Amino acid sequence: MKTTNRRNLFILVFALLVVMLGFGMVIPVFPFLIDKLGASGSALGILVATRQIQDGQTITADGGTGTVELK
């Protein structure tokens, strides 16, 4: 693998790691925020489902499974 491709792959993996860590840190706090703001449990479900729907749309827009082929 060329050095440029390896560097780009590292940047992509690092960015995804940061995003997943951020999402994993926010999800446990959501119930407290929802309660403090006076919203219902349905609001929490909608927030979490919205992200999952967005992930599904990204995979569909990608035209496949969303995986990257390394050659």
C-alpha atoms as a PDB file:
ATOM      1  CA  MET A   1       0.000   0.000   0.000  1.00  0.00           C
ATOM      2  CA  LYS A   2       1.326   3.404  -0.919  1.00  0.00           C
ATOM      3  CA  THR A   3       2.282   5.791   1.854  1.00  0.00           C
ATOM      4  CA  THR A   4      -0.388   8.291   0.755  1.00  0.00           C
ATOM      5  CA  ASN A   5      -3.123   5.654   0.875  1.00  0.00           C
ATOM      6  CA  ARG A   6      -1.955   4.448   4.268  1.00  0.00           C
ATOM      7  CA  ARG A   7      -1.958   8.011   5.622  1.00  0.00           C
ATOM      8  CA  ASN A   8      -5.454   8.647   4.248  1.00  0.00           C
ATOM      9  CA  LEU A   9      -6.700   5.402   5.767  1.00  0.00           C
ATOM     10  CA  PHE A  10      -5.219   6.357   9.144  1.00  0.00           C
ATOM     11  CA  ILE A  11      -6.925   9.767   9.016  1.00  0.00           C
ATOM     12  CA  LEU A  12     -10.262   8.147   8.146  1.00  0.00           C
ATOM     13  CA  VAL A  13     -10.002   5.566  10.925  1.00  0.00           C
ATOM     14  CA  PHE A  14      -9.012   8.240  13.441  1.00  0.00           C
ATOM     15  CA  ALA A  15     -11.955  10.462  12.424  1.00  0.00           C
ATOM     16  CA  LEU A  16     -14.390   7.560  12.764  1.00  0.00           C
ATOM     17  CA  LEU A  17     -12.944   6.691  16.166  1.00  0.00           C
ATOM     18  CA  VAL A  18     -13.476  10.258  17.390  1.00  0.00           C
ATOM     19  CA  VAL A  19     -17.067  10.288  16.102  1.00  0.00           C
ATOM     20  CA  MET A  20     -17.929   6.938  17.684  1.00  0.00           C
ATOM     21  CA  LEU A  21     -16.364   7.893  21.014  1.00  0.00           C
ATOM     22  CA  GLY A  22     -18.298  11.149  21.013  1.00  0.00           C
ATOM     23  CA  PHE A  23     -21.578   9.397  20.262  1.00  0.00           C
ATOM     24  CA  GLY A  24     -20.863   6.760  22.905  1.00  0.00           C
ATOM     25  CA  MET A  25     -20.265   9.466  25.496  1.00  0.00           C
ATOM     26  CA  VAL A  26     -23.451  11.383  24.649  1.00  0.00           C
ATOM     27  CA  ILE A  27     -25.941   8.482  24.596  1.00  0.00           C
ATOM     28  CA  PRO A  28     -25.711   7.759  28.365  1.00  0.00           C
ATOM     29  CA  VAL A  29     -26.350  11.451  29.120  1.00  0.00           C
ATOM     30  CA  PHE A  30     -29.419  11.728  26.862  1.00  0.00           C
ATOM     31  CA  PRO A  31     -31.969  10.462  29.440  1.00  0.00           C
ATOM     32  CA  PHE A  32     -30.878  13.108  31.956  1.00  0.00           C
ATOM     33  CA  LEU A  33     -31.036  15.856  29.340  1.00  0.00           C
ATOM     34  CA  ILE A  34     -34.441  14.693  28.130  1.00  0.00           C
ATOM     35  CA  ASP A  35     -35.754  14.650  31.709  1.00  0.00           C
ATOM     36  CA  LYS A  36     -34.286  18.085  32.480  1.00  0.00           C
ATOM     37  CA  LEU A  37     -35.813  19.569  29.321  1.00  0.00           C
ATOM     38  CA  GLY A  38     -39.194  18.037  30.133  1.00  0.00           C
ATOM     39  CA  ALA A  39     -39.436  15.869  27.039  1.00  0.00           C
ATOM     40  CA  SER A  40     -40.778  12.325  26.927  1.00  0.00           C
ATOM     41  CA  GLY A  41     -38.996   9.032  26.469  1.00  0.00           C
ATOM     42  CA  SER A  42     -40.262   9.036  22.906  1.00  0.00           C
ATOM     43  CA  ALA A  43     -38.053  12.046  22.216  1.00  0.00           C
ATOM     44  CA  LEU A  44     -34.991  10.030  23.227  1.00  0.00           C
ATOM     45  CA  GLY A  45     -36.085   7.216  20.942  1.00  0.00           C
ATOM     46  CA  ILE A  46     -36.520   9.633  18.056  1.00  0.00           C
ATOM     47  CA  LEU A  47     -33.054  11.119  18.632  1.00  0.00           C
ATOM     48  CA  VAL A  48     -31.368   7.728  18.615  1.00  0.00           C
ATOM     49  CA  ALA A  49     -33.456   6.441  15.691  1.00  0.00           C
ATOM     50  CA  THR A  50     -32.634   9.525  13.636  1.00  0.00           C
ATOM     51  CA  ARG A  51     -28.947   8.679  13.738  1.00  0.00           C
ATOM     52  CA  GLN A  52     -29.608   5.074  12.776  1.00  0.00           C
ATOM     53  CA  ILE A  53     -31.783   6.176   9.856  1.00  0.00           C
ATOM     54  CA  GLN A  54     -29.054   8.562   8.744  1.00  0.00           C
ATOM     55  CA  ASP A  55     -26.535   5.711   8.831  1.00  0.00           C
ATOM     56  CA  GLY A  56     -28.843   3.640   6.659  1.00  0.00           C
ATOM     57  CA  GLN A  57     -29.204   6.454   4.149  1.00  0.00           C
ATOM     58  CA  THR A  58     -25.445   6.862   3.992  1.00  0.00           C
ATOM     59  CA  ILE A  59     -24.998   3.176   3.253  1.00  0.00           C
ATOM     60  CA  THR A  60     -27.698   3.318   0.566  1.00  0.00           C
ATOM     61  CA  ALA A  61     -26.233   6.454  -1.019  1.00  0.00           C
ATOM     62  CA  ASP A  62     -22.860   4.714  -1.084  1.00  0.00           C
ATOM     63  CA  GLY A  63     -24.409   2.085  -3.321  1.00  0.00           C
ATOM     64  CA  GLY A  64     -23.503  -0.876  -1.200  1.00  0.00           C
ATOM     65  CA  THR A  65     -22.604  -1.904   2.274  1.00  0.00           C
ATOM     66  CA  GLY A  66     -20.573   1.178   3.017  1.00  0.00           C
ATOM     67  CA  THR A  67     -17.358  -0.808   3.215  1.00  0.00           C
ATOM     68  CA  VAL A  68     -14.164   0.373   1.596  1.00  0.00           C
ATOM     69  CA  GLU A  69     -12.298  -1.941  -0.753  1.00  0.00           C
ATOM     70  CA  LEU A  70      -8.556  -1.870  -0.267  1.00  0.00           C
ATOM     71  CA  LYS A  71      -6.554  -2.927  -3.288  1.00  0.00           C
END
